[in-house]
C-alpha atoms as a PDB file:
ATOM      1  CA  MET A   1     -23.593  13.574 -13.532  1.00  0.00           C
ATOM      2  CA  ILE A   2     -21.115  13.409 -10.639  1.00  0.00           C
ATOM      3  CA  ARG A   3     -19.975  15.900  -8.006  1.00  0.00           C
ATOM      4  CA  ILE A   4     -16.916  17.930  -8.880  1.00  0.00           C
ATOM      5  CA  ASN A   5     -14.759  16.558  -6.044  1.00  0.00           C
ATOM      6  CA  LYS A   6     -15.305  12.962  -7.164  1.00  0.00           C
ATOM      7  CA  TYR A   7     -14.611  13.915 -10.785  1.00  0.00           C
ATOM      8  CA  LEU A   8     -11.325  15.607  -9.832  1.00  0.00           C
ATOM      9  CA  ALA A   9     -10.271  12.597  -7.743  1.00  0.00           C
ATOM     10  CA  ARG A  10     -10.921  10.345 -10.729  1.00  0.00           C
ATOM     11  CA  CYS A  11      -8.588  12.622 -12.691  1.00  0.00           C
ATOM     12  CA  ASN A  12      -5.841  11.705 -10.203  1.00  0.00           C
ATOM     13  CA  LEU A  13      -5.465  15.204  -8.731  1.00  0.00           C
ATOM     14  CA  GLY A  14      -5.195  14.052  -5.121  1.00  0.00           C
ATOM     15  CA  SER A  15      -7.219  12.947  -2.110  1.00  0.00           C
ATOM     16  CA  ARG A  16     -10.788  14.091  -1.551  1.00  0.00           C
ATOM     17  CA  ARG A  17      -9.616  16.845   0.803  1.00  0.00           C
ATOM     18  CA  GLN A  18      -6.909  17.994  -1.609  1.00  0.00           C
ATOM     19  CA  VAL A  19      -9.238  18.288  -4.604  1.00  0.00           C
ATOM     20  CA  GLU A  20     -11.804  20.186  -2.535  1.00  0.00           C
ATOM     21  CA  ASP A  21      -9.074  22.695  -1.694  1.00  0.00           C
ATOM     22  CA  LEU A  22      -8.385  23.135  -5.417  1.00  0.00           C
ATOM     23  CA  VAL A  23     -12.029  24.070  -5.938  1.00  0.00           C
ATOM     24  CA  ARG A  24     -12.152  26.476  -2.979  1.00  0.00           C
ATOM     25  CA  GLU A  25      -8.960  28.170  -4.166  1.00  0.00           C
ATOM     26  CA  GLY A  26     -10.493  28.888  -7.580  1.00  0.00           C
ATOM     27  CA  ARG A  27      -8.103  26.720  -9.538  1.00  0.00           C
ATOM     28  CA  ILE A  28     -10.815  24.691 -11.262  1.00  0.00           C
ATOM     29  CA  ALA A  29     -12.819  25.859 -14.267  1.00  0.00           C
ATOM     30  CA  VAL A  30     -15.787  24.129 -15.896  1.00  0.00           C
ATOM     31  CA  ASN A  31     -16.355  25.005 -19.545  1.00  0.00           C
ATOM     32  CA  GLY A  32     -14.111  28.031 -19.102  1.00  0.00           C
ATOM     33  CA  GLU A  33     -15.842  29.361 -15.964  1.00  0.00           C
ATOM     34  CA  VAL A  34     -14.049  29.193 -12.605  1.00  0.00           C
ATOM     35  CA  THR A  35     -16.130  27.509  -9.903  1.00  0.00           C
ATOM     36  CA  THR A  36     -15.605  27.447  -6.139  1.00  0.00           C
ATOM     37  CA  ASP A  37     -18.837  25.573  -5.409  1.00  0.00           C
ATOM     38  CA  LEU A  38     -18.295  21.995  -4.188  1.00  0.00           C
ATOM     39  CA  ALA A  39     -21.894  21.185  -5.140  1.00  0.00           C
ATOM     40  CA  THR A  40     -21.070  21.673  -8.836  1.00  0.00           C
ATOM     41  CA  MET A  41     -22.105  18.662 -10.918  1.00  0.00           C
ATOM     42  CA  ILE A  42     -19.990  17.467 -13.838  1.00  0.00           C
ATOM     43  CA  ASP A  43     -21.121  15.694 -16.992  1.00  0.00           C
ATOM     44  CA  PRO A  44     -17.994  13.643 -17.850  1.00  0.00           C
ATOM     45  CA  GLU A  45     -19.154  13.148 -21.431  1.00  0.00           C
ATOM     46  CA  ASN A  46     -19.708  16.795 -22.311  1.00  0.00           C
ATOM     47  CA  ASP A  47     -18.125  19.184 -19.776  1.00  0.00           C
ATOM     48  CA  LYS A  48     -14.561  20.487 -20.200  1.00  0.00           C
ATOM     49  CA  VAL A  49     -12.790  20.762 -16.846  1.00  0.00           C
ATOM     50  CA  SER A  50      -9.408  22.405 -16.321  1.00  0.00           C
ATOM     51  CA  ASN A  51      -6.960  22.769 -13.441  1.00  0.00           C
ATOM     52  CA  ASN A  52      -4.955  26.012 -13.546  1.00  0.00           C
ATOM     53  CA  GLY A  53      -5.896  26.322 -17.215  1.00  0.00           C
ATOM     54  CA  LYS A  54      -4.840  22.789 -18.152  1.00  0.00           C
ATOM     55  CA  LEU A  55      -7.535  20.424 -19.421  1.00  0.00           C
ATOM     56  CA  ILE A  56      -7.893  17.301 -17.282  1.00  0.00           C
ATOM     57  CA  GLU A  57      -9.517  13.937 -17.969  1.00  0.00           C
ATOM     58  CA  VAL A  58     -10.769  10.985 -15.962  1.00  0.00           C
ATOM     59  CA  ILE A  59      -8.430   8.018 -15.672  1.00  0.00           C
ATOM     60  CA  ALA A  60     -10.462   5.327 -17.412  1.00  0.00           C
ATOM     61  CA  ASP A  61      -7.976   2.443 -17.197  1.00  0.00           C
ATOM     62  CA  LYS A  62      -7.606   0.033 -14.313  1.00  0.00           C
ATOM     63  CA  ILE A  63      -5.858   1.554 -11.325  1.00  0.00           C
ATOM     64  CA  TYR A  64      -2.640   0.210  -9.818  1.00  0.00           C
ATOM     65  CA  LEU A  65      -0.974   2.218  -7.065  1.00  0.00           C
ATOM     66  CA  MET A  66       1.349   1.991  -4.107  1.00  0.00           C
ATOM     67  CA  LEU A  67       1.150   3.616  -0.673  1.00  0.00           C
ATOM     68  CA  ASN A  68       3.756   4.055   2.016  1.00  0.00           C
ATOM     69  CA  LYS A  69       1.563   3.076   4.967  1.00  0.00           C
ATOM     70  CA  PRO A  70       2.422   4.931   8.183  1.00  0.00           C
ATOM     71  CA  LYS A  71       2.195   3.277  11.576  1.00  0.00           C
ATOM     72  CA  ASN A  72      -1.138   3.403  13.392  1.00  0.00           C
ATOM     73  CA  TYR A  73      -3.267   3.107  10.263  1.00  0.00           C
ATOM     74  CA  LEU A  74      -5.685   0.244   9.704  1.00  0.00           C
ATOM     75  CA  VAL A  75      -5.909  -1.532   6.338  1.00  0.00           C
ATOM     76  CA  SER A  76      -9.696  -1.418   6.217  1.00  0.00           C
ATOM     77  CA  THR A  77     -12.549   0.661   4.832  1.00  0.00           C
ATOM     78  CA  ARG A  78     -14.115   1.105   8.299  1.00  0.00           C
ATOM     79  CA  ASP A  79     -13.362   0.752  11.987  1.00  0.00           C
ATOM     80  CA  ASP A  80     -15.766   0.753  14.917  1.00  0.00           C
ATOM     81  CA  PHE A  81     -13.100   2.216  17.231  1.00  0.00           C
ATOM     82  CA  GLY A  82     -12.406   5.328  15.175  1.00  0.00           C
ATOM     83  CA  ARG A  83      -8.847   4.431  14.213  1.00  0.00           C
ATOM     84  CA  LYS A  84      -7.272   6.006  11.136  1.00  0.00           C
ATOM     85  CA  LEU A  85      -7.738   4.095   7.868  1.00  0.00           C
ATOM     86  CA  VAL A  86      -5.349   3.798   4.925  1.00  0.00           C
ATOM     87  CA  TYR A  87      -8.181   4.638   2.526  1.00  0.00           C
ATOM     88  CA  GLU A  88      -8.279   8.134   4.027  1.00  0.00           C
ATOM     89  CA  LEU A  89      -4.858   8.684   2.440  1.00  0.00           C
ATOM     90  CA  LEU A  90      -6.027   7.766  -1.064  1.00  0.00           C
ATOM     91  CA  PRO A  91      -8.086   9.665  -3.660  1.00  0.00           C
ATOM     92  CA  ASP A  92     -11.682   8.693  -4.320  1.00  0.00           C
ATOM     93  CA  PHE A  93     -11.334   7.199  -7.795  1.00  0.00           C
ATOM     94  CA  GLY A  94     -15.004   6.247  -7.817  1.00  0.00           C
ATOM     95  CA  VAL A  95     -14.146   2.529  -7.868  1.00  0.00           C
ATOM     96  CA  HIS A  96     -13.345  -0.016  -5.180  1.00  0.00           C
ATOM     97  CA  LEU A  97      -9.625  -0.442  -4.556  1.00  0.00           C
ATOM     98  CA  PHE A  98      -8.428  -3.817  -3.304  1.00  0.00           C
ATOM     99  CA  ALA A  99      -5.553  -3.780  -0.820  1.00  0.00           C
ATOM    100  CA  ILE A 100      -2.996  -6.360  -1.951  1.00  0.00           C
ATOM    101  CA  GLY A 101      -1.518  -7.947   1.132  1.00  0.00           C
ATOM    102  CA  ARG A 102      -2.167  -6.435   4.528  1.00  0.00           C
ATOM    103  CA  LEU A 103       0.079  -4.713   7.019  1.00  0.00           C
ATOM    104  CA  ASP A 104      -1.086  -4.728  10.612  1.00  0.00           C
ATOM    105  CA  TYR A 105      -1.894  -1.564  12.552  1.00  0.00           C
ATOM    106  CA  ASN A 106       1.598  -1.163  14.020  1.00  0.00           C
ATOM    107  CA  SER A 107       3.499  -1.976  10.816  1.00  0.00           C
ATOM    108  CA  GLU A 108       4.483   0.388   8.025  1.00  0.00           C
ATOM    109  CA  GLY A 109       5.748   0.434   4.472  1.00  0.00           C
ATOM    110  CA  LEU A 110       4.724  -0.727   1.020  1.00  0.00           C
ATOM    111  CA  LEU A 111       1.079  -1.477   0.279  1.00  0.00           C
ATOM    112  CA  LEU A 112      -0.326  -2.097  -3.198  1.00  0.00           C
ATOM    113  CA  PHE A 113      -3.879  -1.216  -4.257  1.00  0.00           C
ATOM    114  CA  THR A 114      -5.765  -1.938  -7.455  1.00  0.00           C
ATOM    115  CA  SER A 115      -9.223  -1.804  -8.990  1.00  0.00           C
ATOM    116  CA  ASP A 116      -8.356  -5.021 -10.869  1.00  0.00           C
ATOM    117  CA  GLY A 117      -9.782  -7.802  -8.715  1.00  0.00           C
ATOM    118  CA  ASP A 118      -8.295 -10.618 -10.789  1.00  0.00           C
ATOM    119  CA  PHE A 119      -4.845  -9.040 -10.542  1.00  0.00           C
ATOM    120  CA  ALA A 120      -5.216  -8.667  -6.756  1.00  0.00           C
ATOM    121  CA  ASN A 121      -6.272 -12.285  -6.273  1.00  0.00           C
ATOM    122  CA  LYS A 122      -3.329 -13.600  -8.286  1.00  0.00           C
ATOM    123  CA  ILE A 123      -0.823 -11.445  -6.408  1.00  0.00           C
ATOM    124  CA  MET A 124      -2.142 -12.760  -3.078  1.00  0.00           C
ATOM    125  CA  HIS A 125      -2.424 -16.417  -4.159  1.00  0.00           C
ATOM    126  CA  PRO A 126       0.102 -18.603  -2.268  1.00  0.00           C
ATOM    127  CA  ARG A 127       1.101 -20.625  -5.328  1.00  0.00           C
ATOM    128  CA  TYR A 128       2.877 -17.667  -6.947  1.00  0.00           C
ATOM    129  CA  LYS A 129       5.260 -17.287  -3.958  1.00  0.00           C
ATOM    130  CA  LEU A 130       5.798 -13.594  -4.599  1.00  0.00           C
ATOM    131  CA  ALA A 131       8.829 -12.277  -2.692  1.00  0.00           C
ATOM    132  CA  LYS A 132       8.099  -9.716   0.034  1.00  0.00           C
ATOM    133  CA  VAL A 133      11.033  -7.929   1.659  1.00  0.00           C
ATOM    134  CA  TYR A 134      10.925  -6.442   5.176  1.00  0.00           C
ATOM    135  CA  LYS A 135      13.126  -4.434   7.487  1.00  0.00           C
ATOM    136  CA  VAL A 136      12.622  -5.825  10.992  1.00  0.00           C
ATOM    137  CA  ALA A 137      13.851  -4.735  14.417  1.00  0.00           C
ATOM    138  CA  VAL A 138      13.549  -7.321  17.196  1.00  0.00           C
ATOM    139  CA  LYS A 139      14.173  -7.339  20.929  1.00  0.00           C
ATOM    140  CA  GLY A 140      17.507  -8.577  22.209  1.00  0.00           C
ATOM    141  CA  GLN A 141      20.432 -10.150  20.397  1.00  0.00           C
ATOM    142  CA  LEU A 142      19.081 -12.734  17.977  1.00  0.00           C
ATOM    143  CA  GLN A 143      21.444 -15.690  17.936  1.00  0.00           C
ATOM    144  CA  GLN A 144      22.628 -17.592  14.865  1.00  0.00           C
ATOM    145  CA  GLU A 145      20.625 -20.670  15.865  1.00  0.00           C
ATOM    146  CA  GLN A 146      17.428 -18.592  15.833  1.00  0.00           C
ATOM    147  CA  VAL A 147      18.324 -17.099  12.437  1.00  0.00           C
ATOM    148  CA  ASP A 148      18.969 -20.573  11.000  1.00  0.00           C
ATOM    149  CA  THR A 149      15.572 -21.767  12.270  1.00  0.00           C
ATOM    150  CA  LEU A 150      13.808 -18.830  10.588  1.00  0.00           C
ATOM    151  CA  ARG A 151      15.595 -19.612   7.331  1.00  0.00           C
ATOM    152  CA  LYS A 152      14.364 -23.221   7.367  1.00  0.00           C
ATOM    153  CA  GLY A 153      10.756 -22.327   8.245  1.00  0.00           C
ATOM    154  CA  VAL A 154       9.015 -22.409  11.611  1.00  0.00           C
ATOM    155  CA  LYS A 155       5.722 -23.671  12.935  1.00  0.00           C
ATOM    156  CA  ILE A 156       3.141 -20.930  13.582  1.00  0.00           C
ATOM    157  CA  LYS A 157      -0.630 -21.003  14.120  1.00  0.00           C
ATOM    158  CA  THR A 158      -1.414 -21.733  10.456  1.00  0.00           C
ATOM    159  CA  GLY A 159       1.293 -24.353   9.930  1.00  0.00           C
ATOM    160  CA  LYS A 160       4.955 -24.378   8.997  1.00  0.00           C
ATOM    161  CA  THR A 161       6.199 -21.375   7.039  1.00  0.00           C
ATOM    162  CA  LEU A 162       8.191 -21.662   3.840  1.00  0.00           C
ATOM    163  CA  PRO A 163      11.964 -21.174   4.038  1.00  0.00           C
ATOM    164  CA  ALA A 164      12.818 -17.481   4.311  1.00  0.00           C
ATOM    165  CA  GLN A 165      15.852 -15.343   3.554  1.00  0.00           C
ATOM    166  CA  VAL A 166      17.066 -13.780   6.809  1.00  0.00           C
ATOM    167  CA  PHE A 167      20.102 -11.508   7.102  1.00  0.00           C
ATOM    168  CA  VAL A 168      21.372  -9.854  10.265  1.00  0.00           C
ATOM    169  CA  LYS A 169      22.094  -6.217   9.451  1.00  0.00           C
ATOM    170  CA  HIS A 170      23.128  -5.160  12.962  1.00  0.00           C
ATOM    171  CA  ARG A 171      23.314  -6.655  16.437  1.00  0.00           C
ATOM    172  CA  GLY A 172      23.031  -4.045  19.158  1.00  0.00           C
ATOM    173  CA  GLU A 173      23.042  -4.429  22.901  1.00  0.00           C
ATOM    174  CA  HIS A 174      19.239  -4.433  23.132  1.00  0.00           C
ATOM    175  CA  THR A 175      17.994  -4.958  19.561  1.00  0.00           C
ATOM    176  CA  THR A 176      18.812  -6.826  16.356  1.00  0.00           C
ATOM    177  CA  GLN A 177      18.139  -5.399  12.883  1.00  0.00           C
ATOM    178  CA  LEU A 178      17.097  -7.914  10.233  1.00  0.00           C
ATOM    179  CA  LYS A 179      16.293  -7.973   6.545  1.00  0.00           C
ATOM    180  CA  MET A 180      13.756 -10.719   5.837  1.00  0.00           C
ATOM    181  CA  THR A 181      12.290 -12.023   2.586  1.00  0.00           C
ATOM    182  CA  ILE A 182       9.254 -14.289   2.737  1.00  0.00           C
ATOM    183  CA  TYR A 183       7.292 -15.934  -0.063  1.00  0.00           C
ATOM    184  CA  GLU A 184       3.821 -16.140   1.419  1.00  0.00           C
ATOM    185  CA  GLY A 185       1.548 -13.668   3.156  1.00  0.00           C
ATOM    186  CA  GLN A 186      -0.091 -15.188   6.202  1.00  0.00           C
ATOM    187  CA  LYS A 187      -1.626 -12.832   8.734  1.00  0.00           C
ATOM    188  CA  ARG A 188       1.016 -11.259  11.018  1.00  0.00           C
ATOM    189  CA  GLN A 189       3.410 -13.919   9.700  1.00  0.00           C
ATOM    190  CA  ILE A 190       6.736 -12.302  10.547  1.00  0.00           C
ATOM    191  CA  ARG A 191       5.588 -11.405  14.058  1.00  0.00           C
ATOM    192  CA  TYR A 192       4.540 -15.023  14.644  1.00  0.00           C
ATOM    193  CA  MET A 193       7.784 -16.321  13.116  1.00  0.00           C
ATOM    194  CA  LEU A 194       9.902 -14.257  15.497  1.00  0.00           C
ATOM    195  CA  LYS A 195       7.731 -15.253  18.438  1.00  0.00           C
ATOM    196  CA  ALA A 196       8.235 -18.917  17.484  1.00  0.00           C
ATOM    197  CA  VAL A 197      12.012 -18.556  17.940  1.00  0.00           C
ATOM    198  CA  GLY A 198      11.651 -16.732  21.261  1.00  0.00           C
ATOM    199  CA  SER A 199      11.945 -13.151  20.071  1.00  0.00           C
ATOM    200  CA  GLU A 200       9.592 -10.196  19.559  1.00  0.00           C
ATOM    201  CA  VAL A 201       9.188  -7.663  16.753  1.00  0.00           C
ATOM    202  CA  ILE A 202       9.639  -4.015  17.745  1.00  0.00           C
ATOM    203  CA  GLU A 203       9.391  -2.432  14.298  1.00  0.00           C
ATOM    204  CA  LEU A 204       8.305  -3.846  10.961  1.00  0.00           C
ATOM    205  CA  LYS A 205       8.511  -2.133   7.590  1.00  0.00           C
ATOM    206  CA  ARG A 206       7.811  -3.675   4.175  1.00  0.00           C
ATOM    207  CA  LEU A 207      10.268  -2.488   1.541  1.00  0.00           C
ATOM    208  CA  GLN A 208       9.386  -4.517  -1.549  1.00  0.00           C
ATOM    209  CA  ILE A 209       6.757  -6.732  -3.185  1.00  0.00           C
ATOM    210  CA  GLY A 210       7.985  -8.618  -6.239  1.00  0.00           C
ATOM    211  CA  ASN A 211       9.681  -6.081  -8.510  1.00  0.00           C
ATOM    212  CA  VAL A 212       8.047  -3.056  -6.813  1.00  0.00           C
ATOM    213  CA  THR A 213      10.139  -1.216  -4.232  1.00  0.00           C
ATOM    214  CA  LEU A 214       9.109   1.459  -1.743  1.00  0.00           C
ATOM    215  CA  GLY A 215      12.051   3.680  -2.654  1.00  0.00           C
ATOM    216  CA  LYS A 216      11.946   7.216  -1.256  1.00  0.00           C
ATOM    217  CA  LEU A 217       8.149   7.581  -1.188  1.00  0.00           C
ATOM    218  CA  PRO A 218       7.388   9.504   2.047  1.00  0.00           C
ATOM    219  CA  PRO A 219       5.101   7.961   4.720  1.00  0.00           C
ATOM    220  CA  GLY A 220       1.426   8.620   3.994  1.00  0.00           C
ATOM    221  CA  MET A 221       2.045   9.351   0.305  1.00  0.00           C
ATOM    222  CA  TRP A 222       0.983   7.325  -2.731  1.00  0.00           C
ATOM    223  CA  ARG A 223       1.777   7.113  -6.421  1.00  0.00           C
ATOM    224  CA  LEU A 224       0.496   5.206  -9.431  1.00  0.00           C
ATOM    225  CA  LEU A 225       2.562   2.192 -10.443  1.00  0.00           C
ATOM    226  CA  LYS A 226       4.618   2.544 -13.587  1.00  0.00           C
ATOM    227  CA  PRO A 227       3.581   0.295 -16.513  1.00  0.00           C
ATOM    228  CA  VAL A 228       6.847  -1.650 -16.175  1.00  0.00           C
ATOM    229  CA  GLU A 229       6.033  -2.344 -12.510  1.00  0.00           C
ATOM    230  CA  VAL A 230       2.558  -3.637 -13.340  1.00  0.00           C
ATOM    231  CA  THR A 231       3.946  -5.782 -16.155  1.00  0.00           C
ATOM    232  CA  GLY A 232       6.632  -7.152 -13.853  1.00  0.00           C
ATOM    233  CA  LEU A 233       4.063  -8.214 -11.268  1.00  0.00           C
ATOM    234  CA  GLN A 234       1.902  -9.799 -13.956  1.00  0.00           C
ATOM    235  CA  LYS A 235       4.857 -11.838 -15.247  1.00  0.00           C
ATOM    236  CA  GLN A 236       5.429 -13.237 -11.776  1.00  0.00           C
ATOM    237  CA  GLN A 237       1.827 -14.495 -11.695  1.00  0.00           C
ATOM    238  CA  ARG A 238       2.439 -16.986 -14.500  1.00  0.00           C
END
């Protein structure tokens, strides 16, 4: 037996707060009877639960999803300083979700999550050199010599980075807009790379991991990965 809010989250109806609103609004029925009581317990094996008259079921398969992480969210399940956490933006599926590749507190963009630990480990393993694409704004006018150094790889705290694809999208008076593709995922790597060539990151947004792109997903929103996206990532692990 599980509480109704957890059951609804496992059915992929939204975040914990969203599914609780569905119950309060009288949209949920259990065995044909509408319930507004959040203490209602559900027997997944025997109870029939519907949302607005449509029968719903628990997602039993492994979970693969993407989130457009907003700025000022921490990629962690807890924080002693009370900062906002990315897991607050996700439904409670009743299973642990691994974050695949971190984005620091001030960065935004594409994050992948999965309940498949083996899948997560392979995606993060350096030997697969999975491409990760970023939109980066840096201070000042980045010169061609600095761009060439980034492309060849630079020395940071953890050693020399692999060669990267770096394209200058725009040079303004005070900032330079870059598109960068890296093939490893060291902590705060792009920030350290830019620091190594005498620059500083102002904004950082991840647009793509492997074959999965952020697209038009709004900040703070999530969606399940399409089967073709999961398959594409799995192929790149071989």
